Amino acid sequence: MIRALRKAAAIFLLISLAACSGKNSSYTGYVEADYALIAAPQAGWLTAVAVDRGAAVKPGDALFTLDTDREAAQTAEATERAVAAAATARDLARGARPADLAPLEAQRIIAMAQADLAHTEESRWRPLVEKGFASQAKLDAVTAQRRSADAQVAQINKSIAAAKLSARSDQLAAARANSAAAGAALTQAQWVKDQRQVASRISGSVEDRLREPGEYVAAGAPILSVLPEGRIFIRFFAPVEDVAKIKTGDVVALSCDGCAKGLQGRIRFVARESEFTPPIIFSESARQRMVFMIEATPINGADLRPGVPVTVHLSAKLKAA
């Protein structure tokens, strides 16, 4: 609304000046600004606003904070899941514990004792069979018992060796992948929580506080209006006969009440489409109402404030740098 009023006033003044002088060389415009609206990245209750109007901010400065109760709980849950997944992966990589191996070791001792006894029996019966004092069937039975005892010892040895190994490669890879996924989920949960404390990413000055602590804000709702450094510009309107002489990059002289002398601006934008002052009726007699919007960036007027009337002197236009 304010910009529309400024625009209408500038156009009206332009037409008034044109009526008084057949050839205009200066036009009145207004200082405008490209404001940055700092919004809430997530929905929630606004718990604090760290800056007030007029405060200078730079990247990293705290601006406002949203409640973090839910995000803190989600972060705690993700932390526990990451710890559990990492522990599972480490456990599968280590293999069996000594306590798990103890029963197998005891079984091996028993099996080795039985094997020794079977070897002894075979050694005792073999000479008797060879001398004909015992049957071959008896020797065959003793030999079979010895072989069975040896096989039992071999089986237990393999079981112990397998228990000392880590899990199969596919199982271990799956456990490590689960651990990495849990770590990534924790990182994401922590990032979401960190976003509840918003810091500035630009340098500038706070122009307005749009929300106050205690309000519930939606995601994307503006909280602060900040004027970034270097985003001041002058907007004015020139008639069709003058716009052809103005090019992007041209340097023009600027003046205003209370401003330092020697101000200059660089033309940054020249509208391609014309505008009309009311009534919007195109005719040969209304050609003088046709104007083009032009914007210029101050080169050495950082102290200019939005809303201040500024005179742009086209007759003092300098060579484009």
Protein backbone atom coordinates (compact mmCIF):
# COMPACT_ATOMS: atom_id res chain seq x y z
CA MET A 1 0.00 0.00 0.00
CA ILE A 2 2.80 2.41 0.96
CA ARG A 3 4.73 1.59 -2.21
CA ALA A 4 1.60 2.13 -4.29
CA LEU A 5 1.08 5.57 -2.73
CA ARG A 6 4.73 6.47 -3.32
CA LYS A 7 4.45 5.29 -6.90
CA ALA A 8 1.30 7.37 -7.52
CA ALA A 9 2.89 10.45 -5.91
CA ALA A 10 6.03 10.07 -8.02
CA ILE A 11 4.03 9.75 -11.23
CA PHE A 12 1.85 12.75 -10.30
CA LEU A 13 4.95 14.85 -9.56
CA LEU A 14 6.50 13.72 -12.83
CA ILE A 15 3.47 14.90 -14.81
CA SER A 16 3.38 18.18 -12.89
CA LEU A 17 7.03 18.85 -13.66
CA ALA A 18 6.48 17.93 -17.28
CA ALA A 19 3.65 20.44 -17.50
CA CYS A 20 5.90 23.21 -16.15
CA SER A 21 8.88 22.40 -18.31
CA GLY A 22 8.92 21.14 -21.81
CA LYS A 23 12.14 19.27 -21.30
CA ASN A 24 12.73 17.59 -17.99
CA SER A 25 16.23 16.67 -16.81
CA SER A 26 15.43 15.53 -13.27
CA TYR A 27 12.74 13.42 -11.65
CA THR A 28 11.63 12.74 -8.14
CA GLY A 29 11.64 9.20 -6.86
CA TYR A 30 11.73 7.45 -3.52
CA VAL A 31 14.24 5.33 -1.67
CA GLU A 32 13.02 1.73 -1.58
CA ALA A 33 14.44 -1.46 -0.10
CA ASP A 34 14.49 -5.18 -0.84
CA TYR A 35 13.58 -6.66 2.52
CA ALA A 36 14.33 -10.22 3.55
CA LEU A 37 11.59 -12.00 5.49
CA ILE A 38 13.14 -14.48 7.94
CA ALA A 39 10.57 -17.25 8.35
CA ALA A 40 10.14 -20.23 10.66
CA PRO A 41 11.53 -23.35 8.93
CA GLN A 42 9.10 -25.52 10.92
CA ALA A 43 5.80 -25.10 12.71
CA GLY A 44 5.73 -24.67 16.48
CA TRP A 45 5.43 -22.36 19.44
CA LEU A 46 7.65 -19.29 19.32
CA THR A 47 9.53 -19.28 22.63
CA ALA A 48 11.94 -16.37 22.15
CA VAL A 49 12.89 -13.55 19.76
CA ALA A 50 16.48 -12.51 20.38
CA VAL A 51 16.51 -9.23 18.41
CA ASP A 52 14.39 -6.09 18.30
CA ARG A 53 13.74 -3.43 15.69
CA GLY A 54 16.87 -1.58 14.62
CA ALA A 55 19.25 -4.31 15.76
CA ALA A 56 22.21 -5.00 13.50
CA VAL A 57 22.68 -8.67 12.71
CA LYS A 58 25.39 -10.67 11.01
CA PRO A 59 25.66 -14.33 9.95
CA GLY A 60 25.53 -16.60 13.00
CA ASP A 61 23.64 -14.20 15.29
CA ALA A 62 20.66 -15.78 17.08
CA LEU A 63 17.31 -14.49 15.84
CA PHE A 64 14.50 -16.57 17.36
CA THR A 65 13.75 -19.98 18.88
CA LEU A 66 10.90 -22.48 18.54
CA ASP A 67 9.97 -25.03 21.20
CA THR A 68 12.01 -28.27 20.99
CA ASP A 69 10.11 -30.75 23.22
CA ARG A 70 9.08 -33.11 20.42
CA GLU A 71 12.40 -32.79 18.58
CA ALA A 72 14.35 -33.52 21.79
CA ALA A 73 12.37 -36.75 22.27
CA GLN A 74 12.93 -37.77 18.65
CA THR A 75 16.65 -37.09 18.99
CA ALA A 76 16.83 -39.19 22.15
CA GLU A 77 15.04 -42.06 20.41
CA ALA A 78 17.37 -41.86 17.40
CA THR A 79 20.37 -41.83 19.75
CA GLU A 80 19.28 -45.05 21.46
CA ARG A 81 18.61 -46.75 18.13
CA ALA A 82 22.04 -45.77 16.86
CA VAL A 83 23.71 -47.11 20.02
CA ALA A 84 21.82 -50.42 19.74
CA ALA A 85 22.64 -50.87 16.06
CA ALA A 86 26.34 -50.12 16.62
CA ALA A 87 26.47 -52.60 19.52
CA THR A 88 24.88 -55.32 17.37
CA ALA A 89 27.42 -54.75 14.60
CA ARG A 90 30.34 -54.90 17.07
CA ASP A 91 28.98 -58.08 18.67
CA LEU A 92 28.68 -59.86 15.32
CA ALA A 93 32.21 -58.81 14.37
CA ARG A 94 33.79 -60.26 17.54
CA GLY A 95 32.45 -63.82 17.52
CA ALA A 96 31.63 -65.93 20.59
CA ARG A 97 32.65 -64.85 24.10
CA PRO A 98 34.83 -67.05 26.37
CA ALA A 99 31.74 -67.88 28.40
CA ASP A 100 30.04 -69.15 25.23
CA LEU A 101 33.09 -71.28 24.37
CA ALA A 102 33.39 -72.90 27.82
CA PRO A 103 30.69 -75.60 27.25
CA LEU A 104 32.30 -76.56 23.95
CA GLU A 105 35.72 -76.79 25.58
CA ALA A 106 34.25 -79.12 28.25
CA GLN A 107 32.67 -81.30 25.57
CA ARG A 108 36.00 -81.53 23.78
CA ILE A 109 37.74 -82.73 26.94
CA ILE A 110 35.17 -85.50 27.37
CA ALA A 111 35.36 -86.47 23.71
CA MET A 112 39.16 -86.59 23.80
CA ALA A 113 39.06 -88.83 26.88
CA GLN A 114 36.65 -91.18 25.14
CA ALA A 115 38.87 -91.18 22.07
CA ASP A 116 41.95 -92.05 24.14
CA LEU A 117 40.05 -94.94 25.71
CA ALA A 118 38.94 -96.16 22.28
CA HIS A 119 42.53 -96.06 21.00
CA THR A 120 43.68 -98.03 24.03
CA GLU A 121 40.98 -100.68 23.53
CA GLU A 122 41.88 -101.06 19.88
CA SER A 123 45.57 -101.43 20.71
CA ARG A 124 44.74 -104.07 23.32
CA TRP A 125 42.43 -106.21 21.14
CA ARG A 126 44.42 -106.10 17.89
CA PRO A 127 47.26 -108.47 19.09
CA LEU A 128 44.71 -110.88 20.53
CA VAL A 129 42.88 -111.09 17.22
CA GLU A 130 46.13 -111.53 15.30
CA LYS A 131 47.09 -114.49 17.61
CA GLY A 132 43.64 -116.02 17.31
CA PHE A 133 42.60 -115.49 20.91
CA ALA A 134 39.71 -113.18 19.92
CA SER A 135 37.37 -112.88 16.98
CA GLN A 136 37.71 -110.37 14.13
CA ALA A 137 34.23 -109.11 14.94
CA LYS A 138 35.44 -107.90 18.32
CA LEU A 139 38.30 -105.98 16.69
CA ASP A 140 35.93 -104.46 14.13
CA ALA A 141 33.61 -103.22 16.90
CA VAL A 142 36.49 -101.68 18.85
CA THR A 143 37.86 -100.01 15.72
CA ALA A 144 34.44 -98.54 14.97
CA GLN A 145 34.24 -97.09 18.48
CA ARG A 146 37.67 -95.52 18.05
CA ARG A 147 36.70 -93.93 14.74
CA SER A 148 33.46 -92.59 16.25
CA ALA A 149 35.39 -91.06 19.17
CA ASP A 150 37.88 -89.42 16.78
CA ALA A 151 35.02 -88.00 14.67
CA GLN A 152 33.37 -86.57 17.78
CA VAL A 153 36.58 -84.75 18.75
CA ALA A 154 36.96 -83.38 15.20
CA GLN A 155 33.35 -82.14 15.19
CA ILE A 156 33.77 -80.31 18.50
CA ASN A 157 37.03 -78.71 17.30
CA LYS A 158 35.24 -77.36 14.22
CA SER A 159 32.39 -76.02 16.38
CA ILE A 160 34.88 -74.16 18.57
CA ALA A 161 36.69 -72.72 15.56
CA ALA A 162 33.40 -71.56 14.00
CA ALA A 163 32.27 -69.96 17.27
CA LYS A 164 35.48 -67.94 17.45
CA LEU A 165 34.83 -66.49 14.00
CA SER A 166 32.64 -63.40 13.39
CA ALA A 167 29.23 -63.65 11.73
CA ARG A 168 28.93 -64.46 8.05
CA SER A 169 29.96 -61.63 5.76
CA ASP A 170 26.41 -60.91 4.61
CA GLN A 171 25.10 -60.77 8.18
CA LEU A 172 27.95 -58.52 9.24
CA ALA A 173 27.41 -56.24 6.23
CA ALA A 174 23.69 -55.99 7.06
CA ALA A 175 24.44 -55.14 10.70
CA ARG A 176 26.93 -52.45 9.68
CA ALA A 177 24.42 -51.01 7.19
CA ASN A 178 21.77 -50.87 9.91
CA SER A 179 24.25 -49.10 12.17
CA ALA A 180 25.04 -46.54 9.46
CA ALA A 181 21.33 -45.97 8.79
CA ALA A 182 20.68 -45.43 12.48
CA GLY A 183 23.55 -42.93 12.59
CA ALA A 184 22.10 -41.06 9.62
CA ALA A 185 18.67 -40.97 11.30
CA LEU A 186 20.31 -39.51 14.41
CA THR A 187 22.03 -36.84 12.31
CA GLN A 188 18.73 -35.94 10.68
CA ALA A 189 16.91 -35.78 14.03
CA GLN A 190 19.63 -33.54 15.44
CA TRP A 191 19.46 -31.30 12.35
CA VAL A 192 15.69 -30.92 12.73
CA LYS A 193 16.19 -29.98 16.36
CA ASP A 194 18.92 -27.47 15.49
CA GLN A 195 16.61 -25.79 12.97
CA ARG A 196 14.37 -24.77 15.87
CA GLN A 197 17.03 -22.23 16.84
CA VAL A 198 17.26 -19.87 13.88
CA ALA A 199 20.40 -17.82 13.31
CA SER A 200 20.96 -15.08 10.76
CA ARG A 201 22.53 -15.97 7.44
CA ILE A 202 22.84 -12.38 6.22
CA SER A 203 24.17 -9.05 7.44
CA GLY A 204 21.69 -6.23 7.84
CA SER A 205 19.34 -4.48 10.26
CA VAL A 206 16.06 -5.69 11.74
CA GLU A 207 13.22 -3.54 10.43
CA ASP A 208 10.24 -5.24 12.06
CA ARG A 209 9.18 -8.04 14.43
CA LEU A 210 6.17 -9.75 12.89
CA ARG A 211 5.59 -12.35 15.62
CA GLU A 212 6.06 -12.37 19.39
CA PRO A 213 6.93 -15.16 21.89
CA GLY A 214 3.91 -17.23 22.85
CA GLU A 215 2.45 -17.32 19.34
CA TYR A 216 2.09 -20.54 17.36
CA VAL A 217 3.60 -20.09 13.92
CA ALA A 218 3.23 -22.20 10.81
CA ALA A 219 6.17 -23.39 8.75
CA GLY A 220 7.20 -20.58 6.42
CA ALA A 221 5.50 -17.85 8.48
CA PRO A 222 7.70 -14.68 8.59
CA ILE A 223 9.02 -13.81 12.03
CA LEU A 224 11.38 -10.92 11.25
CA SER A 225 11.82 -8.41 8.45
CA VAL A 226 15.48 -7.67 7.82
CA LEU A 227 17.02 -5.10 5.48
CA PRO A 228 20.16 -6.74 4.04
CA GLU A 229 23.24 -4.64 3.45
CA GLY A 230 23.35 -3.15 -0.04
CA ARG A 231 19.67 -3.69 -0.83
CA ILE A 232 18.68 0.01 -0.93
CA PHE A 233 17.59 1.42 -4.30
CA ILE A 234 15.83 4.46 -5.79
CA ARG A 235 12.69 4.02 -7.88
CA PHE A 236 11.52 6.79 -10.20
CA PHE A 237 9.52 7.19 -13.41
CA ALA A 238 10.60 8.78 -16.68
CA PRO A 239 8.51 9.73 -19.73
CA VAL A 240 8.85 7.90 -23.02
CA GLU A 241 10.97 10.66 -24.60
CA ASP A 242 13.63 10.31 -21.88
CA VAL A 243 13.67 6.58 -21.31
CA ALA A 244 15.55 5.92 -24.55
CA LYS A 245 18.50 7.92 -23.17
CA ILE A 246 18.75 5.83 -20.02
CA LYS A 247 20.60 2.52 -20.10
CA THR A 248 21.32 -0.10 -17.48
CA GLY A 249 24.70 0.67 -15.94
CA ASP A 250 24.47 4.46 -16.41
CA VAL A 251 25.59 6.56 -13.46
CA VAL A 252 23.30 9.46 -12.45
CA ALA A 253 23.50 12.17 -9.79
CA LEU A 254 21.22 12.00 -6.75
CA SER A 255 20.15 14.65 -4.27
CA CYS A 256 17.78 14.81 -1.31
CA ASP A 257 17.08 16.99 1.72
CA GLY A 258 19.66 16.40 4.39
CA CYS A 259 21.80 14.14 2.22
CA ALA A 260 25.48 14.65 1.61
CA LYS A 261 26.49 16.24 -1.66
CA GLY A 262 27.92 14.24 -4.51
CA LEU A 263 25.59 11.24 -4.22
CA GLN A 264 25.52 9.01 -7.26
CA GLY A 265 23.51 6.01 -8.35
CA ARG A 266 23.83 3.32 -10.99
CA ILE A 267 20.82 2.38 -13.12
CA ARG A 268 20.05 -1.28 -12.43
CA PHE A 269 16.67 -1.71 -14.13
CA VAL A 270 14.65 -0.03 -16.87
CA ALA A 271 11.13 -1.37 -17.35
CA ARG A 272 10.32 -2.69 -20.82
CA GLU A 273 6.62 -1.97 -20.47
CA SER A 274 5.12 1.46 -19.98
CA GLU A 275 2.63 2.55 -17.34
CA PHE A 276 -0.08 5.19 -17.50
CA THR A 277 -1.28 7.74 -15.05
CA PRO A 278 -5.08 7.70 -14.56
CA PRO A 279 -7.28 7.74 -16.50
CA ILE A 280 -5.89 4.71 -18.34
CA ILE A 281 -7.03 5.70 -21.83
CA PHE A 282 -4.48 5.64 -24.63
CA SER A 283 -4.77 8.49 -27.13
CA GLU A 284 -2.50 10.95 -28.85
CA SER A 285 -3.33 13.53 -26.20
CA ALA A 286 -2.52 11.07 -23.42
CA ARG A 287 0.96 10.16 -24.67
CA GLN A 288 2.50 12.46 -22.07
CA ARG A 289 0.95 10.26 -19.40
CA MET A 290 3.05 7.30 -20.53
CA VAL A 291 5.95 6.63 -18.15
CA PHE A 292 8.51 3.89 -17.52
CA MET A 293 9.65 2.68 -14.12
CA ILE A 294 13.42 2.88 -13.50
CA GLU A 295 15.50 1.71 -10.56
CA ALA A 296 18.98 2.89 -9.52
CA THR A 297 21.32 1.55 -6.85
CA PRO A 298 23.18 4.12 -4.70
CA ILE A 299 26.93 3.99 -5.18
CA ASN A 300 27.95 6.16 -2.21
CA GLY A 301 24.73 6.67 -0.24
CA ALA A 302 24.59 3.84 2.26
CA ASP A 303 22.83 6.09 4.81
CA LEU A 304 19.75 6.60 2.64
CA ARG A 305 16.56 5.47 4.35
CA PRO A 306 13.51 3.90 2.69
CA GLY A 307 10.73 6.40 2.06
CA VAL A 308 12.98 9.45 1.59
CA PRO A 309 12.22 11.48 -1.58
CA VAL A 310 15.22 11.64 -3.91
CA THR A 311 15.78 13.72 -7.02
CA VAL A 312 17.46 11.93 -9.93
CA HIS A 313 19.33 14.30 -12.22
CA LEU A 314 19.40 12.90 -15.71
CA SER A 315 21.19 15.98 -17.06
CA ALA A 316 24.11 15.09 -14.77
CA LYS A 317 24.24 11.54 -16.06
CA LEU A 318 27.83 10.33 -16.17
CA LYS A 319 29.51 7.82 -18.43
CA ALA A 320 28.73 4.23 -17.43
CA ALA A 321 31.53 2.63 -15.44
